[in-house]
């Protein structure tokens, strides 16, 4: 991917249900493509995870703190995915506008979002960003 290329355009009408929003399609970008000049890397893991190491030059914008992440993980393991997603939404919903404002200066740039393990955090952020007009994709792997 070079600077003249753009990430997949996933703009569409707002979904009617939260689960449609969370399960919709979006662009995936390889690690090699993500490391291309002109791409902004957005790490949405906790501050503690970021401090343990990240991709060089990535911006840290955590969705959750470490306690919230642990609680969501416990719910996921003990109850299931849907309940974990609900809990994550309850934690993050009051902070959505603040999150979007914190990255408004990169809205016109190509953004690749990543997290850890299953990719639920990054995939949710990609959908949110695309819904708000950002050019965003998720890093594979």
C-alpha atoms as a PDB file:
ATOM      1  CA  UNK A   1       0.000   0.000   0.000  1.00  0.00           C
ATOM      2  CA  UNK A   2       1.397   3.407  -0.880  1.00  0.00           C
ATOM      3  CA  UNK A   3       0.230   6.896  -0.008  1.00  0.00           C
ATOM      4  CA  UNK A   4      -1.939   7.170  -3.117  1.00  0.00           C
ATOM      5  CA  UNK A   5      -3.808   4.003  -2.131  1.00  0.00           C
ATOM      6  CA  UNK A   6      -6.616   4.212   0.324  1.00  0.00           C
ATOM      7  CA  UNK A   7      -8.018   1.815   2.820  1.00  0.00           C
ATOM      8  CA  UNK A   8     -11.209   0.012   1.896  1.00  0.00           C
ATOM      9  CA  UNK A   9     -14.188   2.356   1.932  1.00  0.00           C
ATOM     10  CA  UNK A  10     -16.729   0.826   4.264  1.00  0.00           C
ATOM     11  CA  UNK A  11     -19.089   3.793   4.495  1.00  0.00           C
ATOM     12  CA  UNK A  12     -22.710   2.843   4.763  1.00  0.00           C
ATOM     13  CA  UNK A  13     -25.954   3.747   6.461  1.00  0.00           C
ATOM     14  CA  UNK A  14     -25.987   3.471  10.243  1.00  0.00           C
ATOM     15  CA  UNK A  15     -27.061  -0.013  11.357  1.00  0.00           C
ATOM     16  CA  UNK A  16     -30.373  -0.322  13.124  1.00  0.00           C
ATOM     17  CA  UNK A  17     -29.254  -2.659  15.903  1.00  0.00           C
ATOM     18  CA  UNK A  18     -26.093  -2.723  18.017  1.00  0.00           C
ATOM     19  CA  UNK A  19     -25.375  -6.322  17.014  1.00  0.00           C
ATOM     20  CA  UNK A  20     -25.576  -5.374  13.315  1.00  0.00           C
ATOM     21  CA  UNK A  21     -23.065  -2.625  13.992  1.00  0.00           C
ATOM     22  CA  UNK A  22     -20.720  -4.985  15.830  1.00  0.00           C
ATOM     23  CA  UNK A  23     -21.002  -7.794  13.269  1.00  0.00           C
ATOM     24  CA  UNK A  24     -20.775  -5.823  10.023  1.00  0.00           C
ATOM     25  CA  UNK A  25     -17.892  -6.111   7.589  1.00  0.00           C
ATOM     26  CA  UNK A  26     -14.856  -3.848   7.414  1.00  0.00           C
ATOM     27  CA  UNK A  27     -11.410  -3.668   5.839  1.00  0.00           C
ATOM     28  CA  UNK A  28      -8.510  -5.776   7.025  1.00  0.00           C
ATOM     29  CA  UNK A  29      -4.901  -4.697   6.483  1.00  0.00           C
ATOM     30  CA  UNK A  30      -1.800  -6.875   6.773  1.00  0.00           C
ATOM     31  CA  UNK A  31       0.967  -5.946   9.186  1.00  0.00           C
ATOM     32  CA  UNK A  32       3.180  -5.084   6.211  1.00  0.00           C
ATOM     33  CA  UNK A  33       0.538  -2.729   4.776  1.00  0.00           C
ATOM     34  CA  UNK A  34      -0.066  -1.192   8.207  1.00  0.00           C
ATOM     35  CA  UNK A  35       3.615  -0.311   8.542  1.00  0.00           C
ATOM     36  CA  UNK A  36       3.579   1.686   5.309  1.00  0.00           C
ATOM     37  CA  UNK A  37       4.472   5.382   5.477  1.00  0.00           C
ATOM     38  CA  UNK A  38       1.422   7.592   5.803  1.00  0.00           C
ATOM     39  CA  UNK A  39      -0.591   5.125   7.878  1.00  0.00           C
ATOM     40  CA  UNK A  40      -1.531   6.101  11.440  1.00  0.00           C
ATOM     41  CA  UNK A  41      -1.429   3.120  13.793  1.00  0.00           C
ATOM     42  CA  UNK A  42      -3.963   3.224  16.619  1.00  0.00           C
ATOM     43  CA  UNK A  43      -3.462   0.870  19.580  1.00  0.00           C
ATOM     44  CA  UNK A  44      -6.704   0.487  21.551  1.00  0.00           C
ATOM     45  CA  UNK A  45      -5.344  -1.837  24.253  1.00  0.00           C
ATOM     46  CA  UNK A  46      -5.154  -0.710  27.881  1.00  0.00           C
ATOM     47  CA  UNK A  47      -2.440   1.706  28.971  1.00  0.00           C
ATOM     48  CA  UNK A  48      -0.788  -1.181  30.846  1.00  0.00           C
ATOM     49  CA  UNK A  49      -0.743  -3.360  27.728  1.00  0.00           C
ATOM     50  CA  UNK A  50       0.662  -0.469  25.697  1.00  0.00           C
ATOM     51  CA  UNK A  51       3.393   0.162  28.286  1.00  0.00           C
ATOM     52  CA  UNK A  52       4.502  -3.468  27.975  1.00  0.00           C
ATOM     53  CA  UNK A  53       5.201  -2.868  24.283  1.00  0.00           C
ATOM     54  CA  UNK A  54       3.534  -1.777  21.076  1.00  0.00           C
ATOM     55  CA  UNK A  55       4.199  -1.165  17.418  1.00  0.00           C
ATOM     56  CA  UNK A  56       6.708   1.690  17.040  1.00  0.00           C
ATOM     57  CA  UNK A  57       5.059   5.116  16.586  1.00  0.00           C
ATOM     58  CA  UNK A  58       1.560   3.806  17.385  1.00  0.00           C
ATOM     59  CA  UNK A  59      -0.860   6.128  19.158  1.00  0.00           C
ATOM     60  CA  UNK A  60      -2.362   4.776  22.378  1.00  0.00           C
ATOM     61  CA  UNK A  61      -6.103   5.339  22.791  1.00  0.00           C
ATOM     62  CA  UNK A  62      -7.331   2.702  25.261  1.00  0.00           C
ATOM     63  CA  UNK A  63     -10.964   1.674  25.183  1.00  0.00           C
ATOM     64  CA  UNK A  64     -10.868   0.311  28.707  1.00  0.00           C
ATOM     65  CA  UNK A  65      -8.696   0.426  31.785  1.00  0.00           C
ATOM     66  CA  UNK A  66      -7.109  -2.810  32.964  1.00  0.00           C
ATOM     67  CA  UNK A  67      -9.853  -3.581  35.505  1.00  0.00           C
ATOM     68  CA  UNK A  68     -12.603  -3.076  32.926  1.00  0.00           C
ATOM     69  CA  UNK A  69     -10.747  -5.274  30.438  1.00  0.00           C
ATOM     70  CA  UNK A  70     -10.347  -8.004  33.080  1.00  0.00           C
ATOM     71  CA  UNK A  71     -14.045  -7.851  33.966  1.00  0.00           C
ATOM     72  CA  UNK A  72     -15.060  -8.105  30.313  1.00  0.00           C
ATOM     73  CA  UNK A  73     -12.699 -11.044  29.839  1.00  0.00           C
ATOM     74  CA  UNK A  74     -14.160 -12.852  32.839  1.00  0.00           C
ATOM     75  CA  UNK A  75     -17.694 -12.321  31.543  1.00  0.00           C
ATOM     76  CA  UNK A  76     -16.625 -13.592  28.119  1.00  0.00           C
ATOM     77  CA  UNK A  77     -15.148 -16.786  29.599  1.00  0.00           C
ATOM     78  CA  UNK A  78     -17.844 -17.476  32.206  1.00  0.00           C
ATOM     79  CA  UNK A  79     -21.024 -16.264  30.498  1.00  0.00           C
ATOM     80  CA  UNK A  80     -20.367 -15.616  26.828  1.00  0.00           C
ATOM     81  CA  UNK A  81     -19.490 -13.210  24.047  1.00  0.00           C
ATOM     82  CA  UNK A  82     -22.783 -11.321  23.898  1.00  0.00           C
ATOM     83  CA  UNK A  83     -22.748 -10.439  27.594  1.00  0.00           C
ATOM     84  CA  UNK A  84     -19.093  -9.404  27.345  1.00  0.00           C
ATOM     85  CA  UNK A  85     -19.900  -7.127  24.392  1.00  0.00           C
ATOM     86  CA  UNK A  86     -22.793  -5.588  26.340  1.00  0.00           C
ATOM     87  CA  UNK A  87     -20.521  -4.878  29.304  1.00  0.00           C
ATOM     88  CA  UNK A  88     -17.891  -3.348  27.016  1.00  0.00           C
ATOM     89  CA  UNK A  89     -20.513  -1.082  25.476  1.00  0.00           C
ATOM     90  CA  UNK A  90     -21.680   0.027  28.924  1.00  0.00           C
ATOM     91  CA  UNK A  91     -18.110   0.938  29.859  1.00  0.00           C
ATOM     92  CA  UNK A  92     -17.257   2.694  26.600  1.00  0.00           C
ATOM     93  CA  UNK A  93     -20.507   4.397  25.577  1.00  0.00           C
ATOM     94  CA  UNK A  94     -20.123   7.378  27.976  1.00  0.00           C
ATOM     95  CA  UNK A  95     -16.615   7.974  26.573  1.00  0.00           C
ATOM     96  CA  UNK A  96     -17.311   7.718  22.829  1.00  0.00           C
ATOM     97  CA  UNK A  97     -17.361  11.467  22.143  1.00  0.00           C
ATOM     98  CA  UNK A  98     -14.193  12.006  24.173  1.00  0.00           C
ATOM     99  CA  UNK A  99     -12.513   9.144  22.282  1.00  0.00           C
ATOM    100  CA  UNK A 100     -13.524  10.585  18.898  1.00  0.00           C
ATOM    101  CA  UNK A 101     -12.387  14.072  19.924  1.00  0.00           C
ATOM    102  CA  UNK A 102      -9.015  12.691  20.996  1.00  0.00           C
ATOM    103  CA  UNK A 103      -8.340  11.501  17.454  1.00  0.00           C
ATOM    104  CA  UNK A 104     -10.118  14.196  15.457  1.00  0.00           C
ATOM    105  CA  UNK A 105      -6.769  15.568  14.250  1.00  0.00           C
ATOM    106  CA  UNK A 106      -6.118  12.332  12.316  1.00  0.00           C
ATOM    107  CA  UNK A 107      -9.593  11.999  10.779  1.00  0.00           C
ATOM    108  CA  UNK A 108      -8.374  12.718   7.255  1.00  0.00           C
ATOM    109  CA  UNK A 109      -5.535  10.201   7.470  1.00  0.00           C
ATOM    110  CA  UNK A 110      -5.548   6.475   6.864  1.00  0.00           C
ATOM    111  CA  UNK A 111      -5.851   4.712  10.221  1.00  0.00           C
ATOM    112  CA  UNK A 112      -5.118   1.089  11.059  1.00  0.00           C
ATOM    113  CA  UNK A 113      -6.445  -0.058  14.432  1.00  0.00           C
ATOM    114  CA  UNK A 114      -5.110  -2.962  16.455  1.00  0.00           C
ATOM    115  CA  UNK A 115      -5.464  -4.551  19.877  1.00  0.00           C
ATOM    116  CA  UNK A 116      -4.578  -8.026  21.112  1.00  0.00           C
ATOM    117  CA  UNK A 117      -5.837 -11.582  21.076  1.00  0.00           C
ATOM    118  CA  UNK A 118      -9.245 -11.871  19.404  1.00  0.00           C
ATOM    119  CA  UNK A 119      -9.481  -8.400  17.888  1.00  0.00           C
ATOM    120  CA  UNK A 120     -12.861  -7.506  19.362  1.00  0.00           C
ATOM    121  CA  UNK A 121     -11.710  -4.099  20.593  1.00  0.00           C
ATOM    122  CA  UNK A 122     -10.070  -3.083  17.335  1.00  0.00           C
ATOM    123  CA  UNK A 123     -12.906  -4.370  15.151  1.00  0.00           C
ATOM    124  CA  UNK A 124     -15.439  -2.414  17.206  1.00  0.00           C
ATOM    125  CA  UNK A 125     -13.336   0.760  16.943  1.00  0.00           C
ATOM    126  CA  UNK A 126     -12.928   0.350  13.181  1.00  0.00           C
ATOM    127  CA  UNK A 127     -16.700   0.190  12.770  1.00  0.00           C
ATOM    128  CA  UNK A 128     -17.166   3.208  15.050  1.00  0.00           C
ATOM    129  CA  UNK A 129     -14.571   5.241  13.164  1.00  0.00           C
ATOM    130  CA  UNK A 130     -15.971   4.331   9.760  1.00  0.00           C
ATOM    131  CA  UNK A 131     -19.444   5.266  10.971  1.00  0.00           C
ATOM    132  CA  UNK A 132     -18.066   8.706  11.878  1.00  0.00           C
ATOM    133  CA  UNK A 133     -16.299   9.264   8.557  1.00  0.00           C
ATOM    134  CA  UNK A 134     -12.777   8.109   9.398  1.00  0.00           C
ATOM    135  CA  UNK A 135     -10.769   6.026   6.914  1.00  0.00           C
ATOM    136  CA  UNK A 136     -10.048   3.054   9.146  1.00  0.00           C
ATOM    137  CA  UNK A 137      -9.201  -0.621   8.844  1.00  0.00           C
ATOM    138  CA  UNK A 138      -8.181  -3.357  11.258  1.00  0.00           C
ATOM    139  CA  UNK A 139      -4.704  -4.854  11.336  1.00  0.00           C
ATOM    140  CA  UNK A 140      -4.735  -8.600  10.697  1.00  0.00           C
ATOM    141  CA  UNK A 141      -2.946 -10.867  13.108  1.00  0.00           C
END
